[in-house]
């Protein structure tokens, strides 16, 4: 018996099945944009997109630096409606002990973005296939509390 002839229909069936499956997962999009808090670019932070309202796919996120973020096509959010969470920090102007380097001081930072835009976010954006520009330029920040 010739194994090459006996196996070829099975091999062809497997290859056909693999070739016909999408294998790429849900549609994802490239998303980039600006993030401003109180009209000032968010120096450092993160942005996360979570599919909602029937949109299927994984969450996606990335870093915000100098008020900008850029999520690549293959790693961007799912196409459709997404809830957005934005986290960021701002300096208080105070120095505090640096627990990672005992004996040194570091700039104290606090959350710059209110819970309405992160842990309790009400931000929802529609993401289209391809490339998107989604800016968040009107976020109101957390007021710094003065310490005595």
N, C-alpha and C. Protein backbone atom coordinates (compact mmCIF):
# COMPACT_ATOMS: atom_id res chain seq x y z
N UNK A 1 0.84 -1.18 0.00
CA UNK A 1 0.00 0.00 0.00
C UNK A 1 0.88 1.24 0.00
N UNK A 2 0.53 2.21 -0.78
CA UNK A 2 1.28 3.45 -0.89
C UNK A 2 0.68 4.46 0.09
N UNK A 3 1.41 4.79 1.19
CA UNK A 3 0.90 5.71 2.21
C UNK A 3 0.71 7.12 1.67
N UNK A 4 1.53 7.51 0.72
CA UNK A 4 1.42 8.86 0.14
C UNK A 4 0.06 9.06 -0.49
N UNK A 5 -0.45 8.07 -1.23
CA UNK A 5 -1.76 8.20 -1.87
C UNK A 5 -2.88 8.10 -0.85
N UNK A 6 -2.72 7.23 0.18
CA UNK A 6 -3.76 7.06 1.19
C UNK A 6 -3.89 8.30 2.08
N UNK A 7 -2.79 8.98 2.35
CA UNK A 7 -2.81 10.13 3.25
C UNK A 7 -3.17 11.42 2.54
N UNK A 8 -2.97 11.51 1.28
CA UNK A 8 -3.16 12.79 0.61
C UNK A 8 -4.58 13.32 0.70
N UNK A 9 -5.67 12.51 0.59
CA UNK A 9 -7.00 13.09 0.77
C UNK A 9 -7.21 13.64 2.18
N UNK A 10 -6.70 12.93 3.18
CA UNK A 10 -6.83 13.40 4.56
C UNK A 10 -6.04 14.69 4.74
N UNK A 11 -4.83 14.73 4.23
CA UNK A 11 -4.00 15.92 4.33
C UNK A 11 -4.65 17.10 3.63
N UNK A 12 -5.20 16.86 2.44
CA UNK A 12 -5.88 17.93 1.72
C UNK A 12 -7.08 18.45 2.50
N UNK A 13 -7.83 17.55 3.13
CA UNK A 13 -8.99 17.95 3.91
C UNK A 13 -8.57 18.83 5.09
N UNK A 14 -7.50 18.45 5.78
CA UNK A 14 -6.99 19.24 6.91
C UNK A 14 -6.52 20.61 6.44
N UNK A 15 -5.74 20.65 5.37
CA UNK A 15 -5.25 21.92 4.84
C UNK A 15 -6.40 22.81 4.39
N UNK A 16 -7.42 22.21 3.76
CA UNK A 16 -8.58 22.98 3.31
C UNK A 16 -9.30 23.60 4.50
N UNK A 17 -9.49 22.79 5.55
CA UNK A 17 -10.18 23.27 6.75
C UNK A 17 -9.40 24.40 7.40
N UNK A 18 -8.10 24.27 7.48
CA UNK A 18 -7.27 25.33 8.06
C UNK A 18 -7.30 26.58 7.21
N UNK A 19 -7.26 26.43 5.94
CA UNK A 19 -7.27 27.57 5.03
C UNK A 19 -8.58 28.32 5.03
N UNK A 20 -9.68 27.62 5.33
CA UNK A 20 -10.99 28.26 5.30
C UNK A 20 -11.37 28.90 6.62
N UNK A 21 -10.71 28.56 7.71
CA UNK A 21 -11.04 29.20 8.97
C UNK A 21 -10.34 30.55 9.02
N UNK A 22 -10.96 31.50 9.69
CA UNK A 22 -10.40 32.84 9.72
C UNK A 22 -9.06 32.84 10.45
N UNK A 23 -8.97 32.18 11.59
CA UNK A 23 -7.71 32.09 12.31
C UNK A 23 -7.20 33.42 12.82
N UNK A 24 -7.76 34.51 12.36
CA UNK A 24 -7.29 35.83 12.76
C UNK A 24 -8.06 36.37 13.97
N UNK A 25 -9.11 35.69 14.38
CA UNK A 25 -9.91 36.16 15.49
C UNK A 25 -10.81 37.31 15.08
N UNK A 26 -11.36 38.03 16.06
CA UNK A 26 -12.28 39.12 15.77
C UNK A 26 -11.57 40.27 15.06
N UNK A 27 -12.36 41.07 14.35
CA UNK A 27 -11.81 42.24 13.66
C UNK A 27 -11.33 43.26 14.69
N UNK A 28 -10.10 43.72 14.48
CA UNK A 28 -9.51 44.73 15.35
C UNK A 28 -9.12 45.92 14.50
N UNK A 29 -9.02 47.06 15.13
CA UNK A 29 -8.73 48.30 14.40
C UNK A 29 -7.52 49.01 14.98
N UNK A 30 -6.91 49.85 14.15
CA UNK A 30 -5.85 50.75 14.59
C UNK A 30 -6.53 51.98 15.19
N UNK A 31 -6.12 52.37 16.39
CA UNK A 31 -6.70 53.55 17.03
C UNK A 31 -5.56 54.38 17.62
N UNK A 32 -5.64 55.68 17.35
CA UNK A 32 -4.67 56.61 17.92
C UNK A 32 -5.40 57.88 18.30
N UNK A 33 -4.78 58.67 19.16
CA UNK A 33 -5.42 59.92 19.52
C UNK A 33 -4.69 60.67 20.60
N UNK A 34 -5.32 61.77 20.98
CA UNK A 34 -4.80 62.66 22.02
C UNK A 34 -5.64 62.50 23.27
N UNK A 35 -5.01 62.69 24.43
CA UNK A 35 -5.71 62.69 25.71
C UNK A 35 -5.28 63.93 26.47
N UNK A 36 -6.26 64.79 26.76
CA UNK A 36 -5.99 66.00 27.53
C UNK A 36 -6.88 66.04 28.75
N UNK A 37 -6.27 66.41 29.87
CA UNK A 37 -7.00 66.58 31.12
C UNK A 37 -6.90 68.05 31.49
N UNK A 38 -8.04 68.69 31.66
CA UNK A 38 -8.10 70.13 31.93
C UNK A 38 -7.35 70.92 30.86
N UNK A 39 -7.43 70.46 29.61
CA UNK A 39 -6.81 71.14 28.48
C UNK A 39 -5.32 70.91 28.32
N UNK A 40 -4.73 70.08 29.20
CA UNK A 40 -3.29 69.83 29.16
C UNK A 40 -3.05 68.36 28.79
N UNK A 41 -2.11 68.08 27.86
CA UNK A 41 -1.83 66.68 27.51
C UNK A 41 -1.47 65.86 28.75
N UNK A 42 -2.08 64.67 28.86
CA UNK A 42 -1.79 63.76 29.98
C UNK A 42 -0.38 63.24 29.80
N UNK A 43 0.50 63.56 30.76
CA UNK A 43 1.92 63.22 30.64
C UNK A 43 2.15 61.72 30.55
N UNK A 44 1.58 60.97 31.49
CA UNK A 44 1.75 59.51 31.51
C UNK A 44 0.45 58.87 31.94
N UNK A 45 0.15 57.74 31.31
CA UNK A 45 -1.06 57.03 31.69
C UNK A 45 -1.28 55.80 30.84
N UNK A 46 -2.52 55.31 30.90
CA UNK A 46 -2.89 54.15 30.09
C UNK A 46 -4.32 54.32 29.60
N UNK A 47 -4.61 53.64 28.49
CA UNK A 47 -5.95 53.65 27.92
C UNK A 47 -6.34 52.22 27.59
N UNK A 48 -7.58 51.86 27.91
CA UNK A 48 -8.08 50.51 27.67
C UNK A 48 -9.45 50.58 27.02
N UNK A 49 -9.67 49.69 26.04
CA UNK A 49 -10.94 49.58 25.33
C UNK A 49 -11.55 48.23 25.65
N UNK A 50 -12.83 48.21 26.08
CA UNK A 50 -13.54 46.99 26.43
C UNK A 50 -14.79 46.88 25.57
N UNK A 51 -14.93 45.81 24.79
CA UNK A 51 -16.12 45.65 23.94
C UNK A 51 -17.40 45.63 24.77
N UNK A 52 -18.44 46.34 24.27
CA UNK A 52 -19.75 46.37 24.93
C UNK A 52 -20.86 46.31 23.88
N UNK A 53 -22.08 46.16 24.35
CA UNK A 53 -23.28 46.21 23.51
C UNK A 53 -23.22 45.27 22.31
N UNK A 54 -22.82 44.03 22.54
CA UNK A 54 -22.80 43.04 21.47
C UNK A 54 -21.53 42.98 20.66
N UNK A 55 -20.60 43.90 20.89
CA UNK A 55 -19.30 43.84 20.20
C UNK A 55 -18.52 42.67 20.77
N UNK A 56 -17.97 41.86 19.89
CA UNK A 56 -17.22 40.67 20.30
C UNK A 56 -15.73 40.90 20.12
N UNK A 57 -14.95 40.43 21.06
CA UNK A 57 -13.50 40.50 20.93
C UNK A 57 -12.84 40.78 22.25
N UNK A 58 -11.52 40.76 22.24
CA UNK A 58 -10.77 41.00 23.48
C UNK A 58 -10.68 42.48 23.80
N UNK A 59 -10.35 42.76 25.04
CA UNK A 59 -10.05 44.14 25.40
C UNK A 59 -8.68 44.48 24.81
N UNK A 60 -8.40 45.76 24.71
CA UNK A 60 -7.11 46.20 24.18
C UNK A 60 -6.71 47.47 24.90
N UNK A 61 -5.41 47.67 25.03
CA UNK A 61 -4.97 48.87 25.70
C UNK A 61 -3.52 49.19 25.41
N UNK A 62 -3.13 50.35 25.88
CA UNK A 62 -1.76 50.78 25.67
C UNK A 62 -1.40 51.95 26.55
N UNK A 63 -0.24 52.49 26.27
CA UNK A 63 0.35 53.56 27.06
C UNK A 63 -0.01 54.92 26.47
N UNK A 64 -0.22 55.88 27.36
CA UNK A 64 -0.37 57.28 26.97
C UNK A 64 0.91 57.97 27.40
N UNK A 65 1.57 58.64 26.46
CA UNK A 65 2.77 59.42 26.77
C UNK A 65 2.66 60.77 26.11
N UNK A 66 2.91 61.81 26.90
CA UNK A 66 2.85 63.18 26.39
C UNK A 66 1.54 63.45 25.67
N UNK A 67 0.44 62.91 26.21
CA UNK A 67 -0.88 63.18 25.69
C UNK A 67 -1.26 62.41 24.44
N UNK A 68 -0.48 61.38 24.07
CA UNK A 68 -0.77 60.63 22.84
C UNK A 68 -0.74 59.13 23.11
N UNK A 69 -1.58 58.40 22.36
CA UNK A 69 -1.57 56.94 22.39
C UNK A 69 -1.72 56.43 20.96
N UNK A 70 -1.29 55.19 20.73
CA UNK A 70 -1.34 54.59 19.40
C UNK A 70 -1.40 53.07 19.56
N UNK A 71 -2.55 52.48 19.24
CA UNK A 71 -2.75 51.04 19.33
C UNK A 71 -2.74 50.46 17.93
N UNK A 72 -1.78 49.60 17.64
CA UNK A 72 -1.59 49.03 16.30
C UNK A 72 -2.78 48.17 15.88
N UNK A 73 -2.94 48.02 14.58
CA UNK A 73 -4.05 47.28 13.99
C UNK A 73 -4.24 45.90 14.61
N UNK A 74 -3.20 45.10 14.69
CA UNK A 74 -3.32 43.74 15.22
C UNK A 74 -3.54 43.66 16.71
N UNK A 75 -3.30 44.76 17.42
CA UNK A 75 -3.42 44.76 18.88
C UNK A 75 -4.42 45.79 19.37
N UNK A 76 -5.09 46.45 18.45
CA UNK A 76 -6.05 47.48 18.80
C UNK A 76 -7.37 46.92 19.26
N UNK A 77 -8.33 47.81 19.53
CA UNK A 77 -9.63 47.37 20.04
C UNK A 77 -10.47 46.66 18.98
N UNK A 78 -11.45 45.92 19.45
CA UNK A 78 -12.40 45.25 18.57
C UNK A 78 -13.23 46.29 17.83
N UNK A 79 -13.54 45.99 16.59
CA UNK A 79 -14.41 46.87 15.80
C UNK A 79 -15.81 46.82 16.41
N UNK A 80 -16.41 47.98 16.64
CA UNK A 80 -17.73 48.09 17.25
C UNK A 80 -17.69 49.03 18.43
N UNK A 81 -18.67 48.90 19.33
CA UNK A 81 -18.75 49.77 20.51
C UNK A 81 -17.81 49.29 21.61
N UNK A 82 -17.08 50.25 22.20
CA UNK A 82 -16.14 49.94 23.27
C UNK A 82 -16.27 50.96 24.39
N UNK A 83 -16.24 50.46 25.62
CA UNK A 83 -16.14 51.33 26.79
C UNK A 83 -14.67 51.63 26.98
N UNK A 84 -14.34 52.87 27.29
CA UNK A 84 -12.95 53.30 27.38
C UNK A 84 -12.63 53.70 28.82
N UNK A 85 -11.50 53.21 29.31
CA UNK A 85 -10.98 53.61 30.62
C UNK A 85 -9.65 54.30 30.43
N UNK A 86 -9.50 55.45 31.07
CA UNK A 86 -8.25 56.21 30.99
C UNK A 86 -7.73 56.43 32.40
N UNK A 87 -6.48 56.04 32.61
CA UNK A 87 -5.80 56.26 33.89
C UNK A 87 -4.59 57.14 33.62
N UNK A 88 -4.27 57.98 34.57
CA UNK A 88 -3.08 58.81 34.42
C UNK A 88 -2.67 59.38 35.75
N UNK A 89 -1.45 59.82 35.80
CA UNK A 89 -0.93 60.41 37.02
C UNK A 89 -0.44 61.83 36.76
N UNK A 90 -0.45 62.60 37.83
CA UNK A 90 0.14 63.94 37.75
C UNK A 90 0.93 64.18 39.02
N UNK A 91 1.92 65.02 38.89
CA UNK A 91 2.78 65.35 40.03
C UNK A 91 2.07 66.34 40.93
N UNK A 92 2.28 66.15 42.26
CA UNK A 92 1.66 67.05 43.23
C UNK A 92 2.55 68.25 43.56
N UNK A 93 3.82 68.15 43.19
CA UNK A 93 4.77 69.19 43.57
C UNK A 93 5.51 68.87 44.85
N UNK A 94 5.18 67.76 45.48
CA UNK A 94 5.85 67.34 46.71
C UNK A 94 6.83 66.22 46.42
N UNK A 95 7.79 66.05 47.30
CA UNK A 95 8.73 64.93 47.26
C UNK A 95 8.35 63.97 48.39
N UNK A 96 8.44 62.67 48.10
CA UNK A 96 8.13 61.64 49.09
C UNK A 96 9.23 60.59 49.04
N UNK A 97 9.38 59.81 50.14
CA UNK A 97 10.41 58.75 50.12
C UNK A 97 10.14 57.75 49.00
N UNK A 98 11.21 57.34 48.34
CA UNK A 98 11.11 56.34 47.27
C UNK A 98 11.37 54.97 47.89
N UNK A 99 10.31 54.19 48.02
CA UNK A 99 10.42 52.88 48.65
C UNK A 99 11.19 51.88 47.79
N UNK A 100 11.34 52.17 46.52
CA UNK A 100 12.10 51.29 45.63
C UNK A 100 13.60 51.58 45.71
N UNK A 101 13.94 52.75 46.21
CA UNK A 101 15.35 53.13 46.38
C UNK A 101 15.47 53.81 47.75
N UNK A 102 15.53 53.01 48.81
CA UNK A 102 15.57 53.57 50.16
C UNK A 102 16.64 54.66 50.32
N UNK A 103 16.24 55.69 51.05
CA UNK A 103 17.15 56.80 51.29
C UNK A 103 17.07 57.89 50.24
N UNK A 104 16.24 57.70 49.22
CA UNK A 104 16.09 58.72 48.18
C UNK A 104 14.64 59.22 48.17
N UNK A 105 14.45 60.31 47.48
CA UNK A 105 13.12 60.93 47.36
C UNK A 105 12.69 60.88 45.89
N UNK A 106 11.38 60.89 45.68
CA UNK A 106 10.83 60.93 44.33
C UNK A 106 9.67 61.91 44.31
N UNK A 107 9.24 62.29 43.10
CA UNK A 107 8.07 63.15 42.96
C UNK A 107 6.82 62.37 43.36
N UNK A 108 5.99 62.98 44.19
CA UNK A 108 4.72 62.35 44.54
C UNK A 108 3.77 62.51 43.36
N UNK A 109 3.04 61.44 43.04
CA UNK A 109 2.04 61.50 41.98
C UNK A 109 0.70 61.01 42.51
N UNK A 110 -0.36 61.49 41.90
CA UNK A 110 -1.71 61.07 42.24
C UNK A 110 -2.47 60.81 40.95
N UNK A 111 -3.61 60.10 41.05
CA UNK A 111 -4.46 59.85 39.89
C UNK A 111 -4.94 61.20 39.36
N UNK A 112 -4.76 61.42 38.07
CA UNK A 112 -5.13 62.68 37.44
C UNK A 112 -6.52 62.64 36.82
N UNK A 113 -7.05 61.44 36.65
CA UNK A 113 -8.30 61.27 35.92
C UNK A 113 -9.38 60.75 36.87
N UNK A 114 -10.53 61.41 36.92
CA UNK A 114 -11.59 60.96 37.83
C UNK A 114 -12.13 59.57 37.47
N UNK A 115 -12.74 58.93 38.46
CA UNK A 115 -13.28 57.57 38.28
C UNK A 115 -14.31 57.50 37.15
N UNK A 116 -14.99 58.60 36.84
CA UNK A 116 -15.97 58.60 35.75
C UNK A 116 -15.33 58.30 34.40
N UNK A 117 -14.01 58.42 34.32
CA UNK A 117 -13.30 58.15 33.07
C UNK A 117 -12.40 56.92 33.17
N UNK A 118 -12.36 56.26 34.34
CA UNK A 118 -11.56 55.03 34.46
C UNK A 118 -12.36 53.93 35.15
N UNK A 119 -12.23 53.71 36.43
CA UNK A 119 -12.87 52.55 37.05
C UNK A 119 -14.39 52.54 36.90
N UNK A 120 -15.02 53.70 36.84
CA UNK A 120 -16.47 53.81 36.65
C UNK A 120 -16.78 54.49 35.31
N UNK A 121 -15.97 54.22 34.33
CA UNK A 121 -16.04 54.95 33.06
C UNK A 121 -17.41 54.90 32.39
N UNK A 122 -17.83 56.06 31.92
CA UNK A 122 -19.04 56.18 31.11
C UNK A 122 -18.68 56.52 29.66
N UNK A 123 -17.38 56.51 29.35
CA UNK A 123 -16.93 56.82 27.98
C UNK A 123 -17.17 55.62 27.08
N UNK A 124 -17.90 55.80 26.00
CA UNK A 124 -18.14 54.75 25.02
C UNK A 124 -17.86 55.34 23.64
N UNK A 125 -17.10 54.60 22.84
CA UNK A 125 -16.77 55.06 21.49
C UNK A 125 -17.00 53.93 20.49
N UNK A 126 -17.43 54.31 19.29
CA UNK A 126 -17.60 53.36 18.18
C UNK A 126 -16.29 53.30 17.41
N UNK A 127 -15.78 52.10 17.21
CA UNK A 127 -14.53 51.88 16.50
C UNK A 127 -14.85 51.26 15.15
N UNK A 128 -14.40 51.91 14.08
CA UNK A 128 -14.65 51.45 12.71
C UNK A 128 -13.49 50.58 12.24
N UNK A 129 -13.72 49.74 11.23
CA UNK A 129 -12.61 48.95 10.67
C UNK A 129 -11.52 49.89 10.12
N UNK A 130 -10.29 49.43 10.13
CA UNK A 130 -9.18 50.23 9.60
C UNK A 130 -8.56 51.10 10.66
N UNK A 131 -8.32 52.36 10.29
CA UNK A 131 -7.63 53.29 11.18
C UNK A 131 -8.60 54.33 11.73
N UNK A 132 -8.49 54.61 13.02
CA UNK A 132 -9.37 55.56 13.71
C UNK A 132 -8.56 56.58 14.48
N UNK A 133 -9.07 57.79 14.56
CA UNK A 133 -8.53 58.80 15.46
C UNK A 133 -9.62 59.07 16.49
N UNK A 134 -9.31 58.75 17.75
CA UNK A 134 -10.27 58.94 18.83
C UNK A 134 -9.58 59.78 19.91
N UNK A 135 -9.96 61.06 19.95
CA UNK A 135 -9.37 61.99 20.91
C UNK A 135 -10.25 62.12 22.14
N UNK A 136 -9.60 62.40 23.26
CA UNK A 136 -10.28 62.70 24.52
C UNK A 136 -9.67 64.00 25.02
N UNK A 137 -10.20 65.13 24.53
CA UNK A 137 -9.61 66.43 24.81
C UNK A 137 -10.36 67.24 25.85
N UNK A 138 -11.48 66.71 26.35
CA UNK A 138 -12.29 67.51 27.27
C UNK A 138 -12.47 66.86 28.64
N UNK A 139 -11.50 66.04 29.05
CA UNK A 139 -11.59 65.39 30.36
C UNK A 139 -11.31 66.41 31.46
N UNK A 140 -12.09 66.35 32.52
CA UNK A 140 -11.87 67.20 33.68
C UNK A 140 -11.12 66.41 34.72
N UNK A 141 -10.06 66.98 35.27
CA UNK A 141 -9.18 66.27 36.18
C UNK A 141 -9.62 66.24 37.62
N UNK A 142 -8.86 65.51 38.40
CA UNK A 142 -9.07 65.42 39.84
C UNK A 142 -8.36 66.58 40.50
N UNK A 143 -9.05 67.28 41.35
CA UNK A 143 -8.44 68.41 42.05
C UNK A 143 -7.44 67.87 43.07
N UNK A 144 -6.29 68.52 43.16
CA UNK A 144 -5.31 68.15 44.17
C UNK A 144 -5.76 68.61 45.53
N UNK A 145 -5.60 67.73 46.51
CA UNK A 145 -5.94 68.08 47.89
C UNK A 145 -4.69 68.58 48.57
N UNK A 146 -4.83 69.65 49.27
CA UNK A 146 -3.67 70.17 50.00
C UNK A 146 -3.55 69.43 51.32
N UNK A 147 -2.31 69.15 51.68
CA UNK A 147 -2.02 68.45 52.95
C UNK A 147 -1.37 69.41 53.91
N UNK A 148 -1.65 69.18 55.15
CA UNK A 148 -1.04 70.02 56.18
C UNK A 148 0.08 69.28 56.84
